Amino acid sequence: MANTISEETGALAEHGWLAFTPEEFRHRVLQRVRMREFGKGEAVYRAGDPPGGLWAVVRGAVEVEVPSHTGASQLAHFASRGFWFGEGPLIYEHHRRVGVVAARPTLMATLPLNDCHAILEADPLAWRWIALLASMTTDLAIGVVADLLLNDPVKRTAALLLRLAGVRSKVFVSKTPAPVYLSQEKIGFLVNLSRNSVTPILHTFAQRGLIELKYGSILVTDVERLAAETTG
């Protein structure tokens, strides 16, 4: 596809990392991104792959996998439109530390390493925005750990749904909750509960109007009240 700023790629300026950067920097990035479509289950990259550039979800969703002590990959996070990732090789030359797989048919934007370097060489101060992206990744990782330390399974599940919908962070908050395209079994895995244990929690949330359960997806419909479930 052509390297132009389309309506879809332009939406990246309003969601996720780029929304927190100056207009001029956003424009430079969006002028250089390239588009690629992924089928459900297709890997954007795997842990151990050679260094590469930045990636962003334009339409669809991805699952982030981390290698376990056995070497097998385990689901660690889910993300949708506006999610940027892959900044590690820009900061230090290293193979990919995690894997990212399309959770459904997904349109991705990528900024190859040479284009990243060209932007940063032309404006060294733009490194602050790569640092911002790294900070957002760190904020997300800290949030994952903090939420897993919640003892109450109801609080843990509410926190997970908010995080997956992009509205859990106190600093980097999405304008609107994103749909969560994960099965109840995978939701249970991420909160360390069986499907039989997490399903009643989700149905209770739905009955109270906090979320909407659809086939293959969950939508957070009341952020404030669902957030209240994580406290007290």
C-alpha atoms as a PDB file:
ATOM      1  CA  MET A   1       0.000   0.000   0.000  1.00  0.00           C
ATOM      2  CA  ALA A   2       1.072   3.573  -0.545  1.00  0.00           C
ATOM      3  CA  ASN A   3       2.891   5.550   2.134  1.00  0.00           C
ATOM      4  CA  THR A   4       0.191   8.197   2.503  1.00  0.00           C
ATOM      5  CA  ILE A   5      -1.725   9.372   5.558  1.00  0.00           C
ATOM      6  CA  SER A   6      -5.091   7.710   5.052  1.00  0.00           C
ATOM      7  CA  GLU A   7      -8.165   8.135   7.220  1.00  0.00           C
ATOM      8  CA  GLU A   8      -7.332   4.912   9.067  1.00  0.00           C
ATOM      9  CA  THR A   9      -3.686   5.689   9.747  1.00  0.00           C
ATOM     10  CA  GLY A  10      -4.685   9.235  10.634  1.00  0.00           C
ATOM     11  CA  ALA A  11      -6.821   7.754  13.417  1.00  0.00           C
ATOM     12  CA  LEU A  12      -3.563   6.651  15.044  1.00  0.00           C
ATOM     13  CA  ALA A  13      -2.975  10.316  15.805  1.00  0.00           C
ATOM     14  CA  GLU A  14      -5.976  10.189  18.153  1.00  0.00           C
ATOM     15  CA  HIS A  15      -5.419   6.820  19.840  1.00  0.00           C
ATOM     16  CA  GLY A  16      -2.413   5.551  21.757  1.00  0.00           C
ATOM     17  CA  TRP A  17       1.193   6.755  21.761  1.00  0.00           C
ATOM     18  CA  LEU A  18       1.019   9.236  18.888  1.00  0.00           C
ATOM     19  CA  ALA A  19      -1.860  11.078  20.548  1.00  0.00           C
ATOM     20  CA  PHE A  20       0.602  12.141  23.274  1.00  0.00           C
ATOM     21  CA  THR A  21       3.206  13.515  20.831  1.00  0.00           C
ATOM     22  CA  PRO A  22       3.451  16.873  18.953  1.00  0.00           C
ATOM     23  CA  GLU A  23       1.640  17.273  15.648  1.00  0.00           C
ATOM     24  CA  GLU A  24       4.857  17.660  13.641  1.00  0.00           C
ATOM     25  CA  PHE A  25       6.303  14.411  14.972  1.00  0.00           C
ATOM     26  CA  ARG A  26       3.010  12.575  14.374  1.00  0.00           C
ATOM     27  CA  HIS A  27       2.996  13.788  10.783  1.00  0.00           C
ATOM     28  CA  ARG A  28       6.558  12.569  10.176  1.00  0.00           C
ATOM     29  CA  VAL A  29       5.695   9.133  11.520  1.00  0.00           C
ATOM     30  CA  LEU A  30       2.429   8.770   9.637  1.00  0.00           C
ATOM     31  CA  GLN A  31       4.056   9.857   6.367  1.00  0.00           C
ATOM     32  CA  ARG A  32       6.502   6.963   6.613  1.00  0.00           C
ATOM     33  CA  VAL A  33       4.381   4.101   7.967  1.00  0.00           C
ATOM     34  CA  ARG A  34       3.667   1.113   5.778  1.00  0.00           C
ATOM     35  CA  MET A  35       0.535  -0.989   5.991  1.00  0.00           C
ATOM     36  CA  ARG A  36       0.259  -4.742   6.280  1.00  0.00           C
ATOM     37  CA  GLU A  37      -2.677  -7.055   6.873  1.00  0.00           C
ATOM     38  CA  PHE A  38      -2.481 -10.112   9.148  1.00  0.00           C
ATOM     39  CA  GLY A  39      -4.838 -13.057   9.355  1.00  0.00           C
ATOM     40  CA  LYS A  40      -6.074 -14.414  12.670  1.00  0.00           C
ATOM     41  CA  GLY A  41      -3.238 -16.292  14.385  1.00  0.00           C
ATOM     42  CA  GLU A  42      -0.538 -14.839  12.116  1.00  0.00           C
ATOM     43  CA  ALA A  43       2.554 -13.610  13.934  1.00  0.00           C
ATOM     44  CA  VAL A  44       3.689 -10.011  13.589  1.00  0.00           C
ATOM     45  CA  TYR A  45       6.929 -11.316  15.078  1.00  0.00           C
ATOM     46  CA  ARG A  46       8.037 -13.984  17.526  1.00  0.00           C
ATOM     47  CA  ALA A  47      10.281 -13.856  20.567  1.00  0.00           C
ATOM     48  CA  GLY A  48      13.836 -14.336  19.324  1.00  0.00           C
ATOM     49  CA  ASP A  49      13.234 -12.754  15.905  1.00  0.00           C
ATOM     50  CA  PRO A  50      15.845 -10.265  14.654  1.00  0.00           C
ATOM     51  CA  PRO A  51      15.509  -6.553  15.535  1.00  0.00           C
ATOM     52  CA  GLY A  52      12.894  -4.569  13.641  1.00  0.00           C
ATOM     53  CA  GLY A  53      10.946  -1.338  13.727  1.00  0.00           C
ATOM     54  CA  LEU A  54       7.790  -0.061  15.385  1.00  0.00           C
ATOM     55  CA  TRP A  55       4.335  -1.526  14.883  1.00  0.00           C
ATOM     56  CA  ALA A  56       0.823  -0.237  15.613  1.00  0.00           C
ATOM     57  CA  VAL A  57      -2.662  -1.736  15.457  1.00  0.00           C
ATOM     58  CA  VAL A  58      -4.774   0.252  12.996  1.00  0.00           C
ATOM     59  CA  ARG A  59      -7.783  -2.070  12.880  1.00  0.00           C
ATOM     60  CA  GLY A  60      -8.262  -5.372  14.677  1.00  0.00           C
ATOM     61  CA  ALA A  61      -6.350  -6.621  17.720  1.00  0.00           C
ATOM     62  CA  VAL A  62      -3.229  -8.474  18.811  1.00  0.00           C
ATOM     63  CA  GLU A  63      -2.172 -10.803  21.607  1.00  0.00           C
ATOM     64  CA  VAL A  64       1.216 -10.308  23.247  1.00  0.00           C
ATOM     65  CA  GLU A  65       2.993 -13.525  24.213  1.00  0.00           C
ATOM     66  CA  VAL A  66       5.976 -14.024  26.506  1.00  0.00           C
ATOM     67  CA  PRO A  67       8.236 -17.094  26.592  1.00  0.00           C
ATOM     68  CA  SER A  68       7.778 -19.230  29.713  1.00  0.00           C
ATOM     69  CA  HIS A  69      10.555 -21.043  31.578  1.00  0.00           C
ATOM     70  CA  THR A  70       9.731 -24.096  29.439  1.00  0.00           C
ATOM     71  CA  GLY A  71      10.214 -22.106  26.229  1.00  0.00           C
ATOM     72  CA  ALA A  72       6.523 -22.196  25.301  1.00  0.00           C
ATOM     73  CA  SER A  73       4.752 -18.892  24.669  1.00  0.00           C
ATOM     74  CA  GLN A  74       2.063 -17.679  27.070  1.00  0.00           C
ATOM     75  CA  LEU A  75      -0.566 -14.983  26.614  1.00  0.00           C
ATOM     76  CA  ALA A  76       0.375 -11.868  28.612  1.00  0.00           C
ATOM     77  CA  HIS A  77      -1.686  -9.025  27.141  1.00  0.00           C
ATOM     78  CA  PHE A  78      -4.283  -8.106  24.530  1.00  0.00           C
ATOM     79  CA  ALA A  79      -4.469  -4.783  22.697  1.00  0.00           C
ATOM     80  CA  SER A  80      -6.386  -3.119  19.875  1.00  0.00           C
ATOM     81  CA  ARG A  81      -6.439   0.104  17.841  1.00  0.00           C
ATOM     82  CA  GLY A  82      -3.730   2.617  18.719  1.00  0.00           C
ATOM     83  CA  PHE A  83      -1.448   0.132  20.467  1.00  0.00           C
ATOM     84  CA  TRP A  84       2.211   0.752  19.517  1.00  0.00           C
ATOM     85  CA  PHE A  85       5.009  -1.674  20.302  1.00  0.00           C
ATOM     86  CA  GLY A  86       8.468  -2.835  19.239  1.00  0.00           C
ATOM     87  CA  GLU A  87      10.613   0.073  20.465  1.00  0.00           C
ATOM     88  CA  GLY A  88      13.223  -2.173  22.121  1.00  0.00           C
ATOM     89  CA  PRO A  89      15.590  -2.504  19.129  1.00  0.00           C
ATOM     90  CA  LEU A  90      15.625   1.288  18.763  1.00  0.00           C
ATOM     91  CA  ILE A  91      16.982   1.640  22.293  1.00  0.00           C
ATOM     92  CA  TYR A  92      19.325  -1.342  22.300  1.00  0.00           C
ATOM     93  CA  GLU A  93      20.249  -3.796  19.550  1.00  0.00           C
ATOM     94  CA  HIS A  94      18.553  -6.969  20.674  1.00  0.00           C
ATOM     95  CA  HIS A  95      16.335  -9.705  19.314  1.00  0.00           C
ATOM     96  CA  ARG A  96      12.611  -9.476  20.000  1.00  0.00           C
ATOM     97  CA  ARG A  97      11.851 -10.245  23.648  1.00  0.00           C
ATOM     98  CA  VAL A  98       8.154 -11.066  23.192  1.00  0.00           C
ATOM     99  CA  GLY A  99       5.890 -12.341  20.442  1.00  0.00           C
ATOM    100  CA  VAL A 100       2.878 -10.549  18.967  1.00  0.00           C
ATOM    101  CA  VAL A 101       0.106 -12.428  17.144  1.00  0.00           C
ATOM    102  CA  ALA A 102      -3.035 -11.166  15.403  1.00  0.00           C
ATOM    103  CA  ALA A 103      -6.076 -12.054  17.531  1.00  0.00           C
ATOM    104  CA  ARG A 104      -8.383 -11.530  14.523  1.00  0.00           C
ATOM    105  CA  PRO A 105      -7.960 -10.181  10.966  1.00  0.00           C
ATOM    106  CA  THR A 106      -5.871  -7.105  11.668  1.00  0.00           C
ATOM    107  CA  LEU A 107      -4.482  -4.129   9.775  1.00  0.00           C
ATOM    108  CA  MET A 108      -1.103  -3.024  11.108  1.00  0.00           C
ATOM    109  CA  ALA A 109       1.059   0.031  10.512  1.00  0.00           C
ATOM    110  CA  THR A 110       4.821  -0.390  10.723  1.00  0.00           C
ATOM    111  CA  LEU A 111       7.667   2.113  10.829  1.00  0.00           C
ATOM    112  CA  PRO A 112      10.787   0.172   9.737  1.00  0.00           C
ATOM    113  CA  LEU A 113      14.050   0.656  11.611  1.00  0.00           C
ATOM    114  CA  ASN A 114      15.659   2.686   8.824  1.00  0.00           C
ATOM    115  CA  ASP A 115      12.717   5.105   8.829  1.00  0.00           C
ATOM    116  CA  CYS A 116      12.860   5.347  12.623  1.00  0.00           C
ATOM    117  CA  HIS A 117      16.561   6.172  12.401  1.00  0.00           C
ATOM    118  CA  ALA A 118      15.952   8.754   9.655  1.00  0.00           C
ATOM    119  CA  ILE A 119      13.409  10.610  11.803  1.00  0.00           C
ATOM    120  CA  LEU A 120      15.684  10.529  14.858  1.00  0.00           C
ATOM    121  CA  GLU A 121      18.785  11.607  12.942  1.00  0.00           C
ATOM    122  CA  ALA A 122      16.905  14.561  11.456  1.00  0.00           C
ATOM    123  CA  ASP A 123      15.606  15.574  14.888  1.00  0.00           C
ATOM    124  CA  PRO A 124      17.568  14.093  17.833  1.00  0.00           C
ATOM    125  CA  LEU A 125      15.119  15.705  20.258  1.00  0.00           C
ATOM    126  CA  ALA A 126      12.516  13.265  18.925  1.00  0.00           C
ATOM    127  CA  TRP A 127      14.167  10.633  21.103  1.00  0.00           C
ATOM    128  CA  ARG A 128      11.967  11.994  23.900  1.00  0.00           C
ATOM    129  CA  TRP A 129       8.957  10.490  22.121  1.00  0.00           C
ATOM    130  CA  ILE A 130      10.640   7.084  21.893  1.00  0.00           C
ATOM    131  CA  ALA A 131      11.304   7.463  25.625  1.00  0.00           C
ATOM    132  CA  LEU A 132       7.613   8.241  26.050  1.00  0.00           C
ATOM    133  CA  LEU A 133       6.659   5.025  24.255  1.00  0.00           C
ATOM    134  CA  ALA A 134       9.065   3.068  26.460  1.00  0.00           C
ATOM    135  CA  SER A 135       7.476   4.734  29.505  1.00  0.00           C
ATOM    136  CA  MET A 136       4.035   3.676  28.309  1.00  0.00           C
ATOM    137  CA  THR A 137       5.265   0.097  27.921  1.00  0.00           C
ATOM    138  CA  THR A 138       6.718   0.219  31.433  1.00  0.00           C
ATOM    139  CA  ASP A 139       3.467   1.661  32.792  1.00  0.00           C
ATOM    140  CA  LEU A 140       1.589  -1.219  31.180  1.00  0.00           C
ATOM    141  CA  ALA A 141       3.986  -3.842  32.580  1.00  0.00           C
ATOM    142  CA  ILE A 142       3.739  -2.398  36.092  1.00  0.00           C
ATOM    143  CA  GLY A 143      -0.039  -2.395  35.753  1.00  0.00           C
ATOM    144  CA  VAL A 144      -0.071  -6.081  34.778  1.00  0.00           C
ATOM    145  CA  VAL A 145       1.923  -7.016  37.886  1.00  0.00           C
ATOM    146  CA  ALA A 146      -0.056  -4.737  40.216  1.00  0.00           C
ATOM    147  CA  ASP A 147      -3.394  -6.097  38.996  1.00  0.00           C
ATOM    148  CA  LEU A 148      -2.276  -9.713  39.434  1.00  0.00           C
ATOM    149  CA  LEU A 149      -1.425  -8.928  43.069  1.00  0.00           C
ATOM    150  CA  LEU A 150      -5.074  -8.119  43.808  1.00  0.00           C
ATOM    151  CA  ASN A 151      -6.271 -10.980  46.016  1.00  0.00           C
ATOM    152  CA  ASP A 152      -9.974 -10.636  45.291  1.00  0.00           C
ATOM    153  CA  PRO A 153     -10.856 -12.350  41.969  1.00  0.00           C
ATOM    154  CA  VAL A 154     -13.656  -9.846  41.294  1.00  0.00           C
ATOM    155  CA  LYS A 155     -11.274  -6.893  41.685  1.00  0.00           C
ATOM    156  CA  ARG A 156      -8.649  -8.694  39.594  1.00  0.00           C
ATOM    157  CA  THR A 157     -11.117  -9.340  36.778  1.00  0.00           C
ATOM    158  CA  ALA A 158     -12.419  -5.757  36.783  1.00  0.00           C
ATOM    159  CA  ALA A 159      -8.860  -4.416  36.668  1.00  0.00           C
ATOM    160  CA  LEU A 160      -7.981  -6.707  33.760  1.00  0.00           C
ATOM    161  CA  LEU A 161     -10.998  -5.650  31.691  1.00  0.00           C
ATOM    162  CA  LEU A 162     -10.183  -1.978  32.226  1.00  0.00           C
ATOM    163  CA  ARG A 163      -6.548  -2.544  31.227  1.00  0.00           C
ATOM    164  CA  LEU A 164      -7.406  -4.550  28.110  1.00  0.00           C
ATOM    165  CA  ALA A 165      -9.907  -1.852  27.117  1.00  0.00           C
ATOM    166  CA  GLY A 166      -7.153   0.786  27.462  1.00  0.00           C
ATOM    167  CA  VAL A 167      -8.712   2.719  30.347  1.00  0.00           C
ATOM    168  CA  ARG A 168      -6.894   1.340  33.396  1.00  0.00           C
ATOM    169  CA  SER A 169      -3.783   3.541  33.399  1.00  0.00           C
ATOM    170  CA  LYS A 170      -3.862   6.717  35.481  1.00  0.00           C
ATOM    171  CA  VAL A 171      -1.559   8.458  32.983  1.00  0.00           C
ATOM    172  CA  PHE A 172      -2.090   7.074  29.451  1.00  0.00           C
ATOM    173  CA  VAL A 173      -5.857   6.692  29.081  1.00  0.00           C
ATOM    174  CA  SER A 174      -7.686   5.938  25.828  1.00  0.00           C
ATOM    175  CA  LYS A 175     -10.492   8.321  24.875  1.00  0.00           C
ATOM    176  CA  THR A 176     -12.982   5.452  24.697  1.00  0.00           C
ATOM    177  CA  PRO A 177     -12.828   1.815  25.865  1.00  0.00           C
ATOM    178  CA  ALA A 178     -11.695  -0.567  23.152  1.00  0.00           C
ATOM    179  CA  PRO A 179     -13.556  -3.865  22.575  1.00  0.00           C
ATOM    180  CA  VAL A 180     -11.840  -6.906  24.093  1.00  0.00           C
ATOM    181  CA  TYR A 181     -11.765  -9.756  21.574  1.00  0.00           C
ATOM    182  CA  LEU A 182     -10.806 -12.563  23.947  1.00  0.00           C
ATOM    183  CA  SER A 183     -12.640 -15.710  24.946  1.00  0.00           C
ATOM    184  CA  GLN A 184     -13.768 -16.120  28.527  1.00  0.00           C
ATOM    185  CA  GLU A 185     -11.242 -18.933  28.827  1.00  0.00           C
ATOM    186  CA  LYS A 186      -8.398 -16.532  27.946  1.00  0.00           C
ATOM    187  CA  ILE A 187      -9.808 -13.881  30.286  1.00  0.00           C
ATOM    188  CA  GLY A 188      -9.704 -16.503  33.023  1.00  0.00           C
ATOM    189  CA  PHE A 189      -6.109 -17.386  32.183  1.00  0.00           C
ATOM    190  CA  LEU A 190      -5.029 -13.741  32.472  1.00  0.00           C
ATOM    191  CA  VAL A 191      -6.570 -13.413  35.951  1.00  0.00           C
ATOM    192  CA  ASN A 192      -5.438 -16.878  37.065  1.00  0.00           C
ATOM    193  CA  LEU A 193      -8.962 -18.281  37.240  1.00  0.00           C
ATOM    194  CA  SER A 194     -10.675 -21.187  35.516  1.00  0.00           C
ATOM    195  CA  ARG A 195     -13.355 -20.427  32.959  1.00  0.00           C
ATOM    196  CA  ASN A 196     -15.953 -21.814  35.383  1.00  0.00           C
ATOM    197  CA  SER A 197     -14.773 -19.278  37.982  1.00  0.00           C
ATOM    198  CA  VAL A 198     -14.497 -16.206  35.762  1.00  0.00           C
ATOM    199  CA  THR A 199     -17.743 -16.689  33.807  1.00  0.00           C
ATOM    200  CA  PRO A 200     -20.068 -15.884  36.764  1.00  0.00           C
ATOM    201  CA  ILE A 201     -18.032 -12.737  37.499  1.00  0.00           C
ATOM    202  CA  LEU A 202     -18.382 -11.554  33.910  1.00  0.00           C
ATOM    203  CA  HIS A 203     -22.117 -12.298  33.857  1.00  0.00           C
ATOM    204  CA  THR A 204     -22.594 -10.360  37.098  1.00  0.00           C
ATOM    205  CA  PHE A 205     -20.754  -7.384  35.585  1.00  0.00           C
ATOM    206  CA  ALA A 206     -22.995  -7.637  32.512  1.00  0.00           C
ATOM    207  CA  GLN A 207     -26.196  -7.854  34.547  1.00  0.00           C
ATOM    208  CA  ARG A 208     -25.186  -4.695  36.424  1.00  0.00           C
ATOM    209  CA  GLY A 209     -24.518  -2.833  33.154  1.00  0.00           C
ATOM    210  CA  LEU A 210     -20.755  -2.537  33.655  1.00  0.00           C
ATOM    211  CA  ILE A 211     -19.874  -4.532  30.547  1.00  0.00           C
ATOM    212  CA  GLU A 212     -21.606  -5.951  27.496  1.00  0.00           C
ATOM    213  CA  LEU A 213     -20.959  -9.565  26.576  1.00  0.00           C
ATOM    214  CA  LYS A 214     -21.109 -10.409  22.888  1.00  0.00           C
ATOM    215  CA  TYR A 215     -20.052 -13.462  20.948  1.00  0.00           C
ATOM    216  CA  GLY A 216     -16.239 -13.368  20.976  1.00  0.00           C
ATOM    217  CA  SER A 217     -15.953  -9.933  22.554  1.00  0.00           C
ATOM    218  CA  ILE A 218     -16.474  -7.868  25.707  1.00  0.00           C
ATOM    219  CA  LEU A 219     -17.193  -4.136  25.785  1.00  0.00           C
ATOM    220  CA  VAL A 220     -16.693  -2.024  28.900  1.00  0.00           C
ATOM    221  CA  THR A 221     -19.812   0.168  29.078  1.00  0.00           C
ATOM    222  CA  ASP A 222     -19.352   1.916  32.453  1.00  0.00           C
ATOM    223  CA  VAL A 223     -15.695   2.711  33.158  1.00  0.00           C
ATOM    224  CA  GLU A 224     -16.302   4.597  36.393  1.00  0.00           C
ATOM    225  CA  ARG A 225     -18.412   1.909  38.041  1.00  0.00           C
ATOM    226  CA  LEU A 226     -16.180  -0.916  36.847  1.00  0.00           C
ATOM    227  CA  ALA A 227     -13.153   0.964  38.230  1.00  0.00           C
ATOM    228  CA  ALA A 228     -14.961   1.182  41.571  1.00  0.00           C
ATOM    229  CA  GLU A 229     -14.969  -2.635  41.615  1.00  0.00           C
ATOM    230  CA  THR A 230     -11.162  -2.619  41.874  1.00  0.00           C
ATOM    231  CA  THR A 231     -11.148  -0.678  45.159  1.00  0.00           C
ATOM    232  CA  GLY A 232     -12.729  -0.949  48.568  1.00  0.00           C
END
